Each structure stands twice: as C-alpha cells, then as structure tokens.
Amino acid sequence: MAQVVCLLEGDYARRLRRGRHPLLGHATVNVGFIAGGTQANIVPAACRISVDRRTLPGETEKSVRAGMRALFRQRQLRVRIADQKQAACLPLETDARLPLVRQFFRVAGQKKAAGVDYFCDASVLAQAGIASVVFGPGDIAQAHTAEEWIARKSLEAATALLLKFLRSLP
C-alpha cells in the first residue's frame, strides 16, 4: 500500500496539477486515512486507505475511477476501489448570469465569481437543481479544526452584507 500512497500523492497529484479550471484551479487528491496490520514485525494481510479526490467540472466519478485503475494497472499494483460516499461530491459551478447571483454580486461589490478548492453542501443542492452561491464569514484555514473559530468582525461584516442583499430584493 505504501507504493499506492506514494503513487497517488506523487505522480498522480503532479498529473492533476497540470489540468486547470479557470475558476477552481486544479483537481486534488489526498490520502487521509491508512489502516492495516496488527504489529510492527508482522507483514499485514491487508491495508486500507481512504482517498479524497476533488474533481473539476467535466470529470465524473466513473472517469476518475477508470483513470486511477489504469494507473494502478500500469504500475502492476493490485487495488480494489470501493465507493463509500453517500452522495456524489461534484464540483459546483453556478451560472454567474442568474438574476439572484448578479444581484448578490452587485450588493457585494464583486465583479466576478471567485473559486475555492473545498467542498460544501452547495454542490449537493446545485445537483438537485437549486442554484447556489458559497458565501460566509471566516477563513477556511480555521474550518473543521479542533480550535475552529470566526472573528466577530468577520461575522458582523457577513451579516451586514447578507442583510443588505436581502433588503435589495423586490
């Protein structure tokens, strides 16, 4: 499994950085969980890893899995890929020409959309046909950490902007 992890975090990650989306940047891969073995002096019978592969518009889970399988075959690595997600985690790409999106941009004083390289529920909503915009206070660097926090000033600014947007609606 060490070879698989090195391949994913090395050659595969470099390959992903070559393709870029104008708003979202490049696709990413992260091995976030490794489990196997019972003690240090025994070769494990099995090892499992969990991989987080962030996709770009135009990529599908099926095409990503096929590409990974082909890569493993090329390197003669035997790997079984199992999908453990409850819902597809596709990238979000909201049409900036939608009336509410344009109005939000006007109120926020923003000329164009900005891309982020993290996942949120807006993608799931968009897949259900609900146009979504990701907006909120704070810094993603503090999100989902043991010491997660949002500066009061950031929260107040986001609240004021959201109220301004809501009040601008007919």
Protein backbone atom coordinates (compact mmCIF):
# COMPACT_ATOMS: atom_id res chain seq x y z
CA MET A 1 0.00 0.00 0.00
CA ALA A 2 2.99 2.28 0.53
CA GLN A 3 3.55 2.16 -3.24
CA VAL A 4 -0.09 3.09 -3.88
CA VAL A 5 0.09 6.05 -1.47
CA CYS A 6 3.37 7.26 -3.00
CA LEU A 7 1.89 6.98 -6.49
CA LEU A 8 -1.26 8.91 -5.54
CA GLU A 9 0.50 11.64 -3.56
CA GLY A 10 3.37 11.87 -6.07
CA ASP A 11 2.96 11.17 -9.79
CA TYR A 12 -0.85 11.22 -9.76
CA ALA A 13 -1.04 14.53 -7.82
CA ARG A 14 1.51 16.11 -10.19
CA ARG A 15 -0.55 14.94 -13.16
CA LEU A 16 -3.67 16.53 -11.65
CA ARG A 17 -1.88 19.87 -11.23
CA ARG A 18 -1.33 20.06 -15.00
CA GLY A 19 -5.05 20.43 -15.74
CA ARG A 20 -6.56 23.71 -14.58
CA HIS A 21 -10.06 25.10 -14.39
CA PRO A 22 -10.17 28.92 -14.73
CA LEU A 23 -12.14 29.33 -11.50
CA LEU A 24 -11.44 26.23 -9.41
CA GLY A 25 -7.77 25.62 -10.11
CA HIS A 26 -6.67 22.00 -10.39
CA ALA A 27 -8.14 18.74 -9.14
CA THR A 28 -6.61 17.35 -5.95
CA VAL A 29 -6.00 14.03 -4.25
CA ASN A 30 -5.35 13.35 -0.58
CA VAL A 31 -4.79 10.08 1.28
CA GLY A 32 -6.44 10.92 4.59
CA PHE A 33 -6.67 7.53 6.31
CA ILE A 34 -4.46 4.43 6.40
CA ALA A 35 -5.22 1.24 8.37
CA GLY A 36 -3.58 -2.17 8.31
CA GLY A 37 -1.58 -4.64 10.28
CA THR A 38 -1.53 -5.74 13.87
CA GLN A 39 2.05 -5.04 14.94
CA ALA A 40 5.33 -3.76 13.51
CA ASN A 41 7.10 -7.09 12.95
CA ILE A 42 4.27 -8.78 11.02
CA VAL A 43 3.58 -8.09 7.35
CA PRO A 44 -0.10 -7.13 7.19
CA ALA A 45 -2.50 -9.36 5.30
CA ALA A 46 -4.40 -6.27 4.15
CA CYS A 47 -4.30 -2.49 4.26
CA ARG A 48 -7.00 0.07 3.57
CA ILE A 49 -6.73 3.73 2.69
CA SER A 50 -9.32 6.45 2.22
CA VAL A 51 -8.70 8.82 -0.65
CA ASP A 52 -10.32 12.21 -1.14
CA ARG A 53 -10.25 13.06 -4.86
CA ARG A 54 -11.65 16.50 -5.68
CA THR A 55 -12.97 16.73 -9.23
CA LEU A 56 -13.37 19.55 -11.71
CA PRO A 57 -16.33 20.31 -13.99
CA GLY A 58 -16.31 17.79 -16.83
CA GLU A 59 -14.86 14.98 -14.70
CA THR A 60 -17.10 12.18 -13.46
CA GLU A 61 -16.61 9.73 -10.64
CA LYS A 62 -16.63 6.95 -13.24
CA SER A 63 -13.90 8.56 -15.35
CA VAL A 64 -11.77 9.31 -12.28
CA ARG A 65 -12.02 5.69 -11.06
CA ALA A 66 -11.21 4.41 -14.57
CA GLY A 67 -8.15 6.67 -14.74
CA MET A 68 -6.93 5.53 -11.32
CA ARG A 69 -7.47 1.87 -12.20
CA ALA A 70 -5.47 2.32 -15.43
CA LEU A 71 -2.65 3.97 -13.48
CA PHE A 72 -2.56 1.14 -10.94
CA ARG A 73 -2.54 -1.44 -13.75
CA GLN A 74 0.36 0.36 -15.47
CA ARG A 75 2.35 0.09 -12.24
CA GLN A 76 1.18 -3.50 -11.69
CA LEU A 77 -0.45 -2.62 -8.37
CA ARG A 78 -3.45 -4.69 -7.29
CA VAL A 79 -6.02 -2.33 -5.82
CA ARG A 80 -9.73 -2.65 -5.11
CA ILE A 81 -11.61 0.65 -5.26
CA ALA A 82 -14.78 0.93 -3.19
CA ASP A 83 -17.05 3.99 -3.13
CA GLN A 84 -18.11 4.96 0.38
CA LYS A 85 -19.77 8.31 -0.30
CA GLN A 86 -23.47 8.73 0.38
CA ALA A 87 -23.86 11.35 -2.36
CA ALA A 88 -21.83 12.49 -5.33
CA CYS A 89 -19.41 15.29 -4.43
CA LEU A 90 -19.25 17.03 -7.78
CA PRO A 91 -17.73 20.50 -8.18
CA LEU A 92 -20.06 23.48 -8.00
CA GLU A 93 -20.16 25.86 -10.95
CA THR A 94 -23.04 28.32 -10.61
CA ASP A 95 -24.05 30.39 -13.63
CA ALA A 96 -23.00 33.95 -12.74
CA ARG A 97 -25.64 35.30 -15.16
CA LEU A 98 -28.55 34.15 -12.97
CA PRO A 99 -30.54 37.17 -11.69
CA LEU A 100 -30.06 36.49 -7.96
CA VAL A 101 -26.37 35.78 -8.45
CA ARG A 102 -25.94 39.05 -10.39
CA GLN A 103 -27.82 40.91 -7.63
CA PHE A 104 -25.65 39.37 -4.93
CA PHE A 105 -22.52 40.40 -6.86
CA ARG A 106 -23.86 43.97 -7.18
CA VAL A 107 -24.58 44.23 -3.46
CA ALA A 108 -21.22 42.66 -2.56
CA GLY A 109 -19.37 44.91 -5.00
CA GLN A 110 -17.92 41.85 -6.69
CA LYS A 111 -17.33 41.80 -10.44
CA LYS A 112 -16.85 38.07 -10.99
CA ALA A 113 -17.01 34.75 -9.20
CA ALA A 114 -14.12 33.50 -7.10
CA GLY A 115 -13.25 29.82 -6.91
CA VAL A 116 -12.44 27.76 -3.84
CA ASP A 117 -10.85 24.35 -3.55
CA TYR A 118 -13.03 22.83 -0.86
CA PHE A 119 -16.36 21.01 -0.81
CA CYS A 120 -19.60 22.15 0.81
CA ASP A 121 -23.28 21.24 0.67
CA ALA A 122 -23.91 23.84 -2.05
CA SER A 123 -22.73 21.24 -4.56
CA VAL A 124 -25.39 18.76 -3.41
CA LEU A 125 -28.06 21.49 -3.60
CA ALA A 126 -26.92 22.51 -7.09
CA GLN A 127 -27.14 18.89 -8.27
CA ALA A 128 -30.77 18.94 -7.12
CA GLY A 129 -31.42 21.96 -9.37
CA ILE A 130 -31.04 24.67 -6.70
CA ALA A 131 -28.63 27.34 -7.93
CA SER A 132 -26.20 28.01 -5.10
CA VAL A 133 -23.53 30.50 -4.12
CA VAL A 134 -20.96 29.78 -1.42
CA PHE A 135 -20.78 32.70 0.97
CA GLY A 136 -19.85 33.03 4.60
CA PRO A 137 -17.58 34.57 7.20
CA GLY A 138 -14.23 33.33 8.38
CA ASP A 139 -11.27 31.64 6.81
CA ILE A 140 -11.35 28.06 5.52
CA ALA A 141 -8.00 27.51 7.23
CA GLN A 142 -9.81 27.57 10.61
CA ALA A 143 -12.76 25.42 9.47
CA HIS A 144 -13.06 21.86 10.74
CA THR A 145 -10.16 22.18 13.16
CA ALA A 146 -10.04 21.45 16.90
CA GLU A 147 -9.86 25.20 17.54
CA GLU A 148 -12.39 26.30 14.87
CA TRP A 149 -13.30 29.97 15.21
CA ILE A 150 -14.64 33.00 13.35
CA ALA A 151 -13.59 36.56 14.16
CA ARG A 152 -16.51 38.65 15.39
CA LYS A 153 -15.64 41.40 12.88
CA SER A 154 -15.86 38.88 10.01
CA LEU A 155 -19.20 37.55 11.27
CA GLU A 156 -20.62 41.07 11.59
CA ALA A 157 -19.45 42.01 8.08
CA ALA A 158 -21.02 38.87 6.59
CA THR A 159 -24.27 39.51 8.46
CA ALA A 160 -24.39 43.10 7.21
CA LEU A 161 -23.76 42.02 3.61
CA LEU A 162 -26.42 39.32 3.75
CA LEU A 163 -28.96 41.76 5.22
CA LYS A 164 -28.09 44.32 2.52
CA PHE A 165 -28.66 41.66 -0.15
CA LEU A 166 -31.98 40.51 1.32
CA ARG A 167 -33.21 44.11 1.63
CA SER A 168 -32.30 44.75 -2.03
CA LEU A 169 -34.72 42.07 -3.23
CA PRO A 170 -38.16 43.12 -4.51
